[in-house]
Amino acid sequence: MELTLVSQTTELPITLADAKRHLAISTTAHDALIKDKVRAAAEYCAGRIPGHRQLMKATYDALRSAFADEMILPLPPLSDVTSVKYLDNDGTQQTLSSTRYTVLTPSEDPGRIVLGYNQSWPAVRSQVDAITIRFVAGSTTADDVPETLKEAVRLKTEHLFDPARVDEKQINEATDRLLAGNHYGHYG
């Protein structure tokens, strides 16, 4: 499955005030830099979680070559499936009615699309990107992000903001321990 980022929220998993409190900074002189470091830390942390995860809300297109009994969507938590489009045998793009499938969004596992009761998948043109599933993954607000993920972002932000302040190896080990508790497994 190939993924393409369509859009991403500007929300961060920790607030600027939270980052500044962690860094023990009370002035506004470095606010823009701190926000940049929080954003970079969040991207780093999301990529380090075993199985990966989307911290804050983003929209993706997942490209597939065929329908399957169960189609697992990466980057939990899954918020919504916006559309399922496919190329029919003539090469014309069609939108699959949402009444033909069910979206499962468990809180602890990746989301899935399964065939609805008494339904069948349509015929699809034989090509790699015949199906495009547009979905939204990630938390809507920082309040929805687990505290262990926030703490990992705080630690990595501190390291990125002032590398001399903390030992990189120790920070990376501590960050990885916090992230490991948010493991979703490998899928795709």
N, C-alpha and C. Protein backbone atom coordinates (compact mmCIF):
# COMPACT_ATOMS: atom_id res chain seq x y z
N MET A 1 0.85 -1.17 0.00
CA MET A 1 0.00 0.00 0.00
C MET A 1 0.90 1.24 0.00
N GLU A 2 0.63 2.12 -0.92
CA GLU A 2 1.37 3.39 -1.00
C GLU A 2 0.54 4.48 -0.34
N LEU A 3 1.19 5.34 0.46
CA LEU A 3 0.50 6.43 1.14
C LEU A 3 0.97 7.77 0.61
N THR A 4 0.03 8.69 0.47
CA THR A 4 0.33 10.07 0.09
C THR A 4 -0.34 11.00 1.08
N LEU A 5 0.43 11.91 1.66
CA LEU A 5 -0.14 12.92 2.56
C LEU A 5 -0.90 13.94 1.73
N VAL A 6 -2.17 14.15 2.07
CA VAL A 6 -3.01 15.12 1.37
C VAL A 6 -3.00 16.45 2.11
N SER A 7 -3.22 16.42 3.42
CA SER A 7 -3.21 17.63 4.23
C SER A 7 -2.93 17.27 5.68
N GLN A 8 -2.42 18.26 6.40
CA GLN A 8 -2.05 18.03 7.79
C GLN A 8 -2.45 19.24 8.62
N THR A 9 -2.90 19.00 9.83
CA THR A 9 -3.26 20.09 10.72
C THR A 9 -2.01 20.84 11.17
N THR A 10 -2.20 22.06 11.60
CA THR A 10 -1.08 22.82 12.15
C THR A 10 -1.01 22.65 13.66
N GLU A 11 -1.97 21.92 14.22
CA GLU A 11 -1.97 21.64 15.66
C GLU A 11 -0.74 20.82 16.04
N LEU A 12 -0.25 21.05 17.24
CA LEU A 12 0.90 20.32 17.75
C LEU A 12 0.47 19.45 18.92
N PRO A 13 1.17 18.33 19.18
CA PRO A 13 0.77 17.44 20.27
C PRO A 13 1.00 18.02 21.66
N ILE A 14 1.85 19.03 21.77
CA ILE A 14 1.99 19.77 23.02
C ILE A 14 1.88 21.26 22.68
N THR A 15 1.39 22.04 23.60
CA THR A 15 1.24 23.47 23.36
C THR A 15 2.59 24.18 23.49
N LEU A 16 2.66 25.37 22.95
CA LEU A 16 3.86 26.19 23.11
C LEU A 16 4.11 26.44 24.60
N ALA A 17 3.06 26.73 25.35
CA ALA A 17 3.21 26.97 26.80
C ALA A 17 3.77 25.74 27.50
N ASP A 18 3.32 24.57 27.11
CA ASP A 18 3.80 23.32 27.69
C ASP A 18 5.29 23.13 27.37
N ALA A 19 5.67 23.36 26.13
CA ALA A 19 7.08 23.22 25.72
C ALA A 19 7.95 24.22 26.48
N LYS A 20 7.49 25.46 26.59
CA LYS A 20 8.26 26.49 27.29
C LYS A 20 8.40 26.15 28.78
N ARG A 21 7.36 25.61 29.37
CA ARG A 21 7.41 25.21 30.77
C ARG A 21 8.45 24.10 30.94
N HIS A 22 8.47 23.14 30.02
CA HIS A 22 9.45 22.05 30.09
C HIS A 22 10.88 22.58 29.91
N LEU A 23 11.03 23.55 29.04
CA LEU A 23 12.35 24.13 28.77
C LEU A 23 12.76 25.19 29.80
N ALA A 24 11.84 25.54 30.69
CA ALA A 24 12.07 26.59 31.70
C ALA A 24 12.38 27.92 31.03
N ILE A 25 11.57 28.27 30.03
CA ILE A 25 11.72 29.54 29.31
C ILE A 25 10.46 30.35 29.53
N SER A 26 10.63 31.61 29.94
CA SER A 26 9.46 32.44 30.20
C SER A 26 9.32 33.60 29.21
N THR A 27 10.33 33.86 28.41
CA THR A 27 10.24 34.95 27.45
C THR A 27 9.62 34.46 26.15
N THR A 28 9.27 35.41 25.29
CA THR A 28 8.69 35.06 23.99
C THR A 28 9.72 35.10 22.86
N ALA A 29 10.96 35.39 23.19
CA ALA A 29 12.01 35.59 22.18
C ALA A 29 12.22 34.37 21.28
N HIS A 30 11.99 33.17 21.80
CA HIS A 30 12.27 31.97 21.02
C HIS A 30 11.01 31.20 20.63
N ASP A 31 9.85 31.82 20.71
CA ASP A 31 8.60 31.11 20.46
C ASP A 31 8.55 30.42 19.09
N ALA A 32 8.92 31.11 18.04
CA ALA A 32 8.87 30.51 16.70
C ALA A 32 9.82 29.32 16.60
N LEU A 33 11.01 29.47 17.15
CA LEU A 33 11.99 28.38 17.13
C LEU A 33 11.49 27.18 17.94
N ILE A 34 10.89 27.44 19.08
CA ILE A 34 10.38 26.35 19.91
C ILE A 34 9.27 25.60 19.17
N LYS A 35 8.36 26.33 18.52
CA LYS A 35 7.31 25.67 17.74
C LYS A 35 7.91 24.78 16.65
N ASP A 36 8.93 25.28 15.98
CA ASP A 36 9.60 24.47 14.94
C ASP A 36 10.21 23.21 15.55
N LYS A 37 10.82 23.34 16.72
CA LYS A 37 11.43 22.19 17.37
C LYS A 37 10.37 21.19 17.85
N VAL A 38 9.23 21.68 18.32
CA VAL A 38 8.13 20.79 18.72
C VAL A 38 7.63 20.02 17.50
N ARG A 39 7.47 20.72 16.38
CA ARG A 39 7.00 20.07 15.14
C ARG A 39 7.99 18.98 14.71
N ALA A 40 9.28 19.30 14.74
CA ALA A 40 10.30 18.32 14.35
C ALA A 40 10.33 17.15 15.34
N ALA A 41 10.19 17.43 16.62
CA ALA A 41 10.17 16.38 17.63
C ALA A 41 8.96 15.46 17.45
N ALA A 42 7.82 16.04 17.13
CA ALA A 42 6.61 15.25 16.91
C ALA A 42 6.78 14.32 15.70
N GLU A 43 7.37 14.84 14.62
CA GLU A 43 7.61 14.00 13.44
C GLU A 43 8.59 12.88 13.77
N TYR A 44 9.63 13.21 14.50
CA TYR A 44 10.61 12.21 14.93
C TYR A 44 9.93 11.11 15.74
N CYS A 45 9.14 11.52 16.73
CA CYS A 45 8.49 10.56 17.61
C CYS A 45 7.49 9.69 16.86
N ALA A 46 6.70 10.27 15.99
CA ALA A 46 5.72 9.49 15.23
C ALA A 46 6.42 8.42 14.40
N GLY A 47 7.55 8.75 13.84
CA GLY A 47 8.29 7.79 13.03
C GLY A 47 9.01 6.72 13.83
N ARG A 48 9.23 6.97 15.12
CA ARG A 48 9.95 6.02 15.98
C ARG A 48 9.02 5.03 16.69
N ILE A 49 7.73 5.29 16.66
CA ILE A 49 6.80 4.37 17.32
C ILE A 49 6.76 3.08 16.50
N PRO A 50 7.03 1.93 17.14
CA PRO A 50 6.96 0.67 16.39
C PRO A 50 5.58 0.51 15.75
N GLY A 51 5.55 0.30 14.45
CA GLY A 51 4.28 0.20 13.73
C GLY A 51 3.78 1.54 13.24
N HIS A 52 4.36 2.62 13.70
CA HIS A 52 4.05 4.00 13.36
C HIS A 52 2.66 4.41 13.84
N ARG A 53 2.47 5.69 13.93
CA ARG A 53 1.24 6.28 14.43
C ARG A 53 1.18 7.72 13.94
N GLN A 54 -0.01 8.25 13.76
CA GLN A 54 -0.20 9.64 13.40
C GLN A 54 -0.56 10.38 14.68
N LEU A 55 0.28 11.33 15.11
CA LEU A 55 0.00 12.02 16.37
C LEU A 55 -1.17 12.99 16.23
N MET A 56 -1.09 13.90 15.27
CA MET A 56 -2.14 14.90 15.09
C MET A 56 -2.82 14.68 13.74
N LYS A 57 -4.04 15.15 13.62
CA LYS A 57 -4.89 14.87 12.47
C LYS A 57 -4.23 15.21 11.14
N ALA A 58 -4.32 14.25 10.21
CA ALA A 58 -3.82 14.43 8.86
C ALA A 58 -4.67 13.58 7.92
N THR A 59 -4.76 14.00 6.67
CA THR A 59 -5.51 13.27 5.67
C THR A 59 -4.54 12.62 4.70
N TYR A 60 -4.78 11.34 4.41
CA TYR A 60 -3.93 10.56 3.52
C TYR A 60 -4.75 9.89 2.44
N ASP A 61 -4.09 9.60 1.33
CA ASP A 61 -4.62 8.70 0.30
C ASP A 61 -3.80 7.42 0.37
N ALA A 62 -4.49 6.30 0.51
CA ALA A 62 -3.86 4.98 0.47
C ALA A 62 -4.20 4.36 -0.87
N LEU A 63 -3.19 4.00 -1.64
CA LEU A 63 -3.39 3.40 -2.95
C LEU A 63 -3.25 1.90 -2.86
N ARG A 64 -4.19 1.20 -3.47
CA ARG A 64 -4.19 -0.26 -3.48
C ARG A 64 -4.46 -0.75 -4.89
N SER A 65 -4.10 -2.00 -5.15
CA SER A 65 -4.35 -2.58 -6.47
C SER A 65 -5.63 -3.41 -6.51
N ALA A 66 -6.14 -3.82 -5.34
CA ALA A 66 -7.35 -4.65 -5.32
C ALA A 66 -8.05 -4.51 -3.97
N PHE A 67 -9.34 -4.83 -3.98
CA PHE A 67 -10.08 -4.89 -2.72
C PHE A 67 -9.72 -6.18 -2.01
N ALA A 68 -9.85 -6.19 -0.69
CA ALA A 68 -9.59 -7.39 0.12
C ALA A 68 -10.69 -7.52 1.16
N ASP A 69 -10.81 -8.70 1.74
CA ASP A 69 -11.83 -8.92 2.76
C ASP A 69 -11.70 -7.92 3.89
N GLU A 70 -10.45 -7.62 4.25
CA GLU A 70 -10.17 -6.65 5.30
C GLU A 70 -9.01 -5.77 4.82
N MET A 71 -9.24 -4.47 4.80
CA MET A 71 -8.19 -3.54 4.38
C MET A 71 -7.79 -2.71 5.59
N ILE A 72 -6.59 -2.95 6.07
CA ILE A 72 -6.07 -2.27 7.26
C ILE A 72 -5.48 -0.93 6.84
N LEU A 73 -5.86 0.11 7.57
CA LEU A 73 -5.35 1.45 7.29
C LEU A 73 -4.27 1.80 8.30
N PRO A 74 -3.11 2.22 7.84
CA PRO A 74 -1.99 2.52 8.73
C PRO A 74 -2.19 3.83 9.49
N LEU A 75 -1.25 4.10 10.34
CA LEU A 75 -1.15 5.37 11.08
C LEU A 75 -2.32 5.63 12.02
N PRO A 76 -2.61 4.70 12.93
CA PRO A 76 -3.69 4.94 13.88
C PRO A 76 -3.39 6.12 14.78
N PRO A 77 -4.40 6.69 15.40
CA PRO A 77 -5.79 6.24 15.38
C PRO A 77 -6.54 6.74 14.14
N LEU A 78 -7.39 5.88 13.58
CA LEU A 78 -8.21 6.25 12.43
C LEU A 78 -9.38 7.09 12.90
N SER A 79 -9.57 8.23 12.27
CA SER A 79 -10.66 9.12 12.63
C SER A 79 -11.84 8.94 11.68
N ASP A 80 -11.55 8.83 10.38
CA ASP A 80 -12.63 8.78 9.39
C ASP A 80 -12.11 8.26 8.05
N VAL A 81 -12.98 7.60 7.32
CA VAL A 81 -12.71 7.28 5.92
C VAL A 81 -13.58 8.22 5.11
N THR A 82 -12.94 9.11 4.37
CA THR A 82 -13.66 10.13 3.61
C THR A 82 -14.27 9.56 2.35
N SER A 83 -13.49 8.72 1.63
CA SER A 83 -14.01 8.12 0.41
C SER A 83 -13.20 6.91 0.01
N VAL A 84 -13.84 6.04 -0.76
CA VAL A 84 -13.18 4.91 -1.39
C VAL A 84 -13.50 5.04 -2.87
N LYS A 85 -12.47 5.30 -3.66
CA LYS A 85 -12.65 5.45 -5.12
C LYS A 85 -11.86 4.36 -5.80
N TYR A 86 -12.37 3.95 -6.97
CA TYR A 86 -11.71 2.89 -7.71
C TYR A 86 -11.87 3.11 -9.21
N LEU A 87 -10.99 2.50 -9.97
CA LEU A 87 -11.10 2.52 -11.42
C LEU A 87 -11.84 1.26 -11.85
N ASP A 88 -12.93 1.46 -12.59
CA ASP A 88 -13.64 0.28 -13.08
C ASP A 88 -12.87 -0.32 -14.26
N ASN A 89 -13.38 -1.39 -14.83
CA ASN A 89 -12.66 -2.07 -15.91
C ASN A 89 -12.41 -1.18 -17.12
N ASP A 90 -13.22 -0.14 -17.31
CA ASP A 90 -13.04 0.78 -18.43
C ASP A 90 -12.05 1.91 -18.10
N GLY A 91 -11.58 1.95 -16.85
CA GLY A 91 -10.65 3.00 -16.45
C GLY A 91 -11.32 4.26 -15.95
N THR A 92 -12.63 4.21 -15.72
CA THR A 92 -13.38 5.36 -15.22
C THR A 92 -13.39 5.31 -13.70
N GLN A 93 -13.06 6.44 -13.07
CA GLN A 93 -13.06 6.47 -11.61
C GLN A 93 -14.49 6.50 -11.08
N GLN A 94 -14.74 5.63 -10.12
CA GLN A 94 -16.04 5.52 -9.47
C GLN A 94 -15.85 5.73 -7.97
N THR A 95 -16.89 6.24 -7.31
CA THR A 95 -16.86 6.35 -5.85
C THR A 95 -17.75 5.26 -5.28
N LEU A 96 -17.16 4.44 -4.41
CA LEU A 96 -17.89 3.34 -3.80
C LEU A 96 -18.81 3.89 -2.72
N SER A 97 -20.07 3.51 -2.76
CA SER A 97 -21.02 3.95 -1.74
C SER A 97 -20.60 3.43 -0.38
N SER A 98 -20.66 4.28 0.62
CA SER A 98 -20.28 3.88 1.98
C SER A 98 -21.23 2.84 2.57
N THR A 99 -22.35 2.60 1.91
CA THR A 99 -23.28 1.56 2.39
C THR A 99 -22.75 0.17 2.05
N ARG A 100 -21.74 0.09 1.20
CA ARG A 100 -21.20 -1.21 0.79
C ARG A 100 -20.08 -1.71 1.68
N TYR A 101 -19.59 -0.86 2.57
CA TYR A 101 -18.50 -1.27 3.46
C TYR A 101 -18.71 -0.71 4.86
N THR A 102 -17.98 -1.27 5.80
CA THR A 102 -18.02 -0.83 7.18
C THR A 102 -16.62 -0.41 7.60
N VAL A 103 -16.54 0.69 8.32
CA VAL A 103 -15.26 1.17 8.83
C VAL A 103 -15.21 0.83 10.31
N LEU A 104 -14.17 0.10 10.69
CA LEU A 104 -13.96 -0.26 12.09
C LEU A 104 -12.85 0.61 12.66
N THR A 105 -13.13 1.30 13.74
CA THR A 105 -12.15 2.21 14.34
C THR A 105 -11.92 1.86 15.80
N PRO A 106 -11.28 0.72 16.07
CA PRO A 106 -11.00 0.38 17.46
C PRO A 106 -10.00 1.35 18.06
N SER A 107 -10.10 1.57 19.34
CA SER A 107 -9.22 2.56 19.97
C SER A 107 -7.79 2.06 20.13
N GLU A 108 -7.57 0.76 20.18
CA GLU A 108 -6.24 0.23 20.45
C GLU A 108 -5.55 -0.39 19.23
N ASP A 109 -6.18 -0.43 18.10
CA ASP A 109 -5.62 -1.07 16.91
C ASP A 109 -5.81 -0.18 15.69
N PRO A 110 -5.14 -0.51 14.59
CA PRO A 110 -5.36 0.24 13.34
C PRO A 110 -6.81 0.09 12.88
N GLY A 111 -7.31 1.09 12.19
CA GLY A 111 -8.65 1.02 11.63
C GLY A 111 -8.68 0.08 10.43
N ARG A 112 -9.88 -0.38 10.12
CA ARG A 112 -10.02 -1.32 9.01
C ARG A 112 -11.30 -1.02 8.24
N ILE A 113 -11.27 -1.39 6.99
CA ILE A 113 -12.46 -1.36 6.14
C ILE A 113 -12.80 -2.81 5.82
N VAL A 114 -14.04 -3.18 6.08
CA VAL A 114 -14.50 -4.53 5.76
C VAL A 114 -15.75 -4.43 4.90
N LEU A 115 -15.96 -5.46 4.13
CA LEU A 115 -17.14 -5.52 3.26
C LEU A 115 -18.40 -5.56 4.10
N GLY A 116 -19.39 -4.80 3.71
CA GLY A 116 -20.66 -4.78 4.42
C GLY A 116 -21.42 -6.09 4.27
N TYR A 117 -22.39 -6.30 5.14
CA TYR A 117 -23.20 -7.51 5.10
C TYR A 117 -23.90 -7.65 3.75
N ASN A 118 -23.77 -8.83 3.17
CA ASN A 118 -24.45 -9.19 1.92
C ASN A 118 -24.04 -8.29 0.75
N GLN A 119 -22.80 -7.80 0.79
CA GLN A 119 -22.28 -6.93 -0.27
C GLN A 119 -21.12 -7.64 -0.98
N SER A 120 -20.75 -7.12 -2.12
CA SER A 120 -19.57 -7.63 -2.82
C SER A 120 -18.79 -6.43 -3.36
N TRP A 121 -17.48 -6.62 -3.47
CA TRP A 121 -16.65 -5.56 -4.01
C TRP A 121 -16.86 -5.47 -5.51
N PRO A 122 -16.81 -4.30 -6.09
CA PRO A 122 -16.96 -4.16 -7.55
C PRO A 122 -15.70 -4.65 -8.28
N ALA A 123 -15.86 -4.91 -9.57
CA ALA A 123 -14.71 -5.26 -10.40
C ALA A 123 -13.81 -4.03 -10.53
N VAL A 124 -12.51 -4.26 -10.47
CA VAL A 124 -11.53 -3.18 -10.49
C VAL A 124 -10.55 -3.42 -11.62
N ARG A 125 -10.18 -2.34 -12.27
CA ARG A 125 -9.17 -2.40 -13.33
C ARG A 125 -7.87 -2.97 -12.75
N SER A 126 -7.19 -3.79 -13.50
CA SER A 126 -5.96 -4.43 -13.03
C SER A 126 -4.78 -3.47 -13.19
N GLN A 127 -4.53 -2.67 -12.14
CA GLN A 127 -3.37 -1.79 -12.09
C GLN A 127 -3.04 -1.46 -10.65
N VAL A 128 -1.82 -1.04 -10.42
CA VAL A 128 -1.30 -0.86 -9.07
C VAL A 128 -2.12 0.12 -8.23
N ASP A 129 -2.51 1.24 -8.77
CA ASP A 129 -3.21 2.28 -8.01
C ASP A 129 -4.69 2.37 -8.37
N ALA A 130 -5.33 1.24 -8.56
CA ALA A 130 -6.73 1.22 -8.98
C ALA A 130 -7.69 1.72 -7.91
N ILE A 131 -7.28 1.61 -6.66
CA ILE A 131 -8.17 2.00 -5.54
C ILE A 131 -7.48 3.09 -4.73
N THR A 132 -8.24 4.15 -4.42
CA THR A 132 -7.74 5.23 -3.57
C THR A 132 -8.67 5.36 -2.37
N ILE A 133 -8.12 5.11 -1.20
CA ILE A 133 -8.88 5.26 0.04
C ILE A 133 -8.38 6.54 0.71
N ARG A 134 -9.25 7.51 0.82
CA ARG A 134 -8.90 8.75 1.51
C ARG A 134 -9.38 8.62 2.95
N PHE A 135 -8.45 8.82 3.89
CA PHE A 135 -8.80 8.67 5.29
C PHE A 135 -8.11 9.73 6.14
N VAL A 136 -8.69 9.95 7.31
CA VAL A 136 -8.16 10.90 8.27
C VAL A 136 -7.68 10.12 9.48
N ALA A 137 -6.43 10.38 9.87
CA ALA A 137 -5.83 9.70 11.01
C ALA A 137 -5.28 10.73 11.99
N GLY A 138 -5.15 10.32 13.24
CA GLY A 138 -4.54 11.19 14.23
C GLY A 138 -5.53 11.80 15.20
N SER A 139 -4.98 12.38 16.24
CA SER A 139 -5.79 13.04 17.27
C SER A 139 -6.21 14.43 16.82
N THR A 140 -7.39 14.84 17.22
CA THR A 140 -7.93 16.14 16.84
C THR A 140 -7.29 17.26 17.64
N THR A 141 -7.08 17.03 18.94
CA THR A 141 -6.47 18.04 19.79
C THR A 141 -5.34 17.42 20.61
N ALA A 142 -4.52 18.28 21.18
CA ALA A 142 -3.43 17.80 22.03
C ALA A 142 -3.97 17.05 23.24
N ASP A 143 -5.17 17.39 23.68
CA ASP A 143 -5.78 16.69 24.82
C ASP A 143 -6.00 15.21 24.53
N ASP A 144 -6.15 14.85 23.25
CA ASP A 144 -6.40 13.46 22.86
C ASP A 144 -5.13 12.62 22.74
N VAL A 145 -3.97 13.26 22.79
CA VAL A 145 -2.70 12.56 22.64
C VAL A 145 -2.32 11.94 23.98
N PRO A 146 -1.96 10.65 24.00
CA PRO A 146 -1.56 10.02 25.26
C PRO A 146 -0.39 10.75 25.92
N GLU A 147 -0.40 10.79 27.24
CA GLU A 147 0.61 11.54 27.99
C GLU A 147 2.03 11.02 27.72
N THR A 148 2.19 9.72 27.51
CA THR A 148 3.53 9.19 27.23
C THR A 148 4.07 9.73 25.91
N LEU A 149 3.20 9.93 24.94
CA LEU A 149 3.63 10.51 23.66
C LEU A 149 4.00 11.98 23.84
N LYS A 150 3.22 12.69 24.63
CA LYS A 150 3.53 14.10 24.90
C LYS A 150 4.89 14.23 25.58
N GLU A 151 5.15 13.36 26.55
CA GLU A 151 6.42 13.43 27.27
C GLU A 151 7.59 13.12 26.33
N ALA A 152 7.41 12.18 25.42
CA ALA A 152 8.45 11.88 24.43
C ALA A 152 8.72 13.11 23.56
N VAL A 153 7.66 13.80 23.15
CA VAL A 153 7.82 15.01 22.34
C VAL A 153 8.52 16.10 23.15
N ARG A 154 8.18 16.24 24.42
CA ARG A 154 8.85 17.24 25.28
C ARG A 154 10.36 16.96 25.35
N LEU A 155 10.71 15.69 25.61
CA LEU A 155 12.13 15.33 25.74
C LEU A 155 12.88 15.58 24.44
N LYS A 156 12.29 15.18 23.32
CA LYS A 156 12.98 15.37 22.04
C LYS A 156 13.04 16.86 21.68
N THR A 157 12.03 17.62 22.04
CA THR A 157 12.06 19.07 21.82
C THR A 157 13.21 19.69 22.58
N GLU A 158 13.39 19.27 23.83
CA GLU A 158 14.49 19.78 24.65
C GLU A 158 15.84 19.49 23.97
N HIS A 159 15.99 18.28 23.48
CA HIS A 159 17.24 17.91 22.81
C HIS A 159 17.45 18.73 21.54
N LEU A 160 16.41 18.93 20.76
CA LEU A 160 16.55 19.69 19.52
C LEU A 160 16.77 21.18 19.77
N PHE A 161 16.16 21.69 20.84
CA PHE A 161 16.29 23.11 21.15
C PHE A 161 17.69 23.45 21.67
N ASP A 162 18.22 22.59 22.51
CA ASP A 162 19.54 22.86 23.10
C ASP A 162 20.30 21.54 23.25
N PRO A 163 20.95 21.08 22.18
CA PRO A 163 21.62 19.78 22.19
C PRO A 163 22.68 19.64 23.29
N ALA A 164 23.29 20.71 23.71
CA ALA A 164 24.32 20.63 24.75
C ALA A 164 23.71 20.42 26.14
N ARG A 165 22.43 20.69 26.25
CA ARG A 165 21.75 20.63 27.54
C ARG A 165 21.52 19.19 28.03
N VAL A 166 21.35 18.28 27.09
CA VAL A 166 21.04 16.89 27.44
C VAL A 166 21.89 15.93 26.61
N ASP A 167 22.10 14.74 27.13
CA ASP A 167 22.85 13.72 26.41
C ASP A 167 21.95 13.08 25.36
N GLU A 168 22.37 13.11 24.10
CA GLU A 168 21.54 12.60 23.01
C GLU A 168 21.18 11.13 23.19
N LYS A 169 22.14 10.32 23.56
CA LYS A 169 21.89 8.89 23.73
C LYS A 169 20.85 8.65 24.82
N GLN A 170 20.98 9.33 25.95
CA GLN A 170 20.03 9.16 27.04
C GLN A 170 18.63 9.63 26.65
N ILE A 171 18.57 10.76 25.96
CA ILE A 171 17.26 11.28 25.51
C ILE A 171 16.61 10.32 24.54
N ASN A 172 17.38 9.82 23.58
CA ASN A 172 16.81 8.89 22.59
C ASN A 172 16.34 7.60 23.25
N GLU A 173 17.10 7.09 24.23
CA GLU A 173 16.67 5.88 24.94
C GLU A 173 15.40 6.14 25.74
N ALA A 174 15.34 7.26 26.43
CA ALA A 174 14.14 7.60 27.21
C ALA A 174 12.94 7.80 26.29
N THR A 175 13.17 8.49 25.19
CA THR A 175 12.09 8.72 24.22
C THR A 175 11.58 7.40 23.67
N ASP A 176 12.50 6.52 23.27
CA ASP A 176 12.09 5.22 22.72
C ASP A 176 11.31 4.39 23.74
N ARG A 177 11.67 4.45 25.01
CA ARG A 177 10.92 3.72 26.04
C ARG A 177 9.49 4.27 26.15
N LEU A 178 9.35 5.56 26.11
CA LEU A 178 8.01 6.16 26.17
C LEU A 178 7.18 5.80 24.93
N LEU A 179 7.83 5.81 23.77
CA LEU A 179 7.13 5.52 22.53
C LEU A 179 6.73 4.06 22.42
N ALA A 180 7.56 3.16 22.95
CA ALA A 180 7.31 1.73 22.83
C ALA A 180 5.98 1.33 23.46
N GLY A 181 5.55 2.07 24.46
CA GLY A 181 4.26 1.79 25.09
C GLY A 181 3.07 2.12 24.22
N ASN A 182 3.32 2.70 23.07
CA ASN A 182 2.24 3.06 22.14
C ASN A 182 2.32 2.25 20.86
N HIS A 183 2.87 1.05 20.97
CA HIS A 183 3.08 0.15 19.84
C HIS A 183 1.75 -0.32 19.26
N TYR A 184 1.60 -0.25 17.95
CA TYR A 184 0.42 -0.76 17.28
C TYR A 184 0.70 -1.99 16.45
N GLY A 185 1.96 -2.40 16.37
CA GLY A 185 2.28 -3.57 15.56
C GLY A 185 2.52 -3.19 14.12
N HIS A 186 2.88 -4.17 13.33
CA HIS A 186 3.16 -3.93 11.90
C HIS A 186 1.98 -4.40 11.07
N TYR A 187 1.62 -3.63 10.13
CA TYR A 187 0.47 -3.91 9.29
C TYR A 187 0.64 -3.14 8.01
N GLY A 188 -0.27 -3.28 7.11
CA GLY A 188 -0.17 -2.51 5.89
C GLY A 188 -0.76 -3.20 4.76
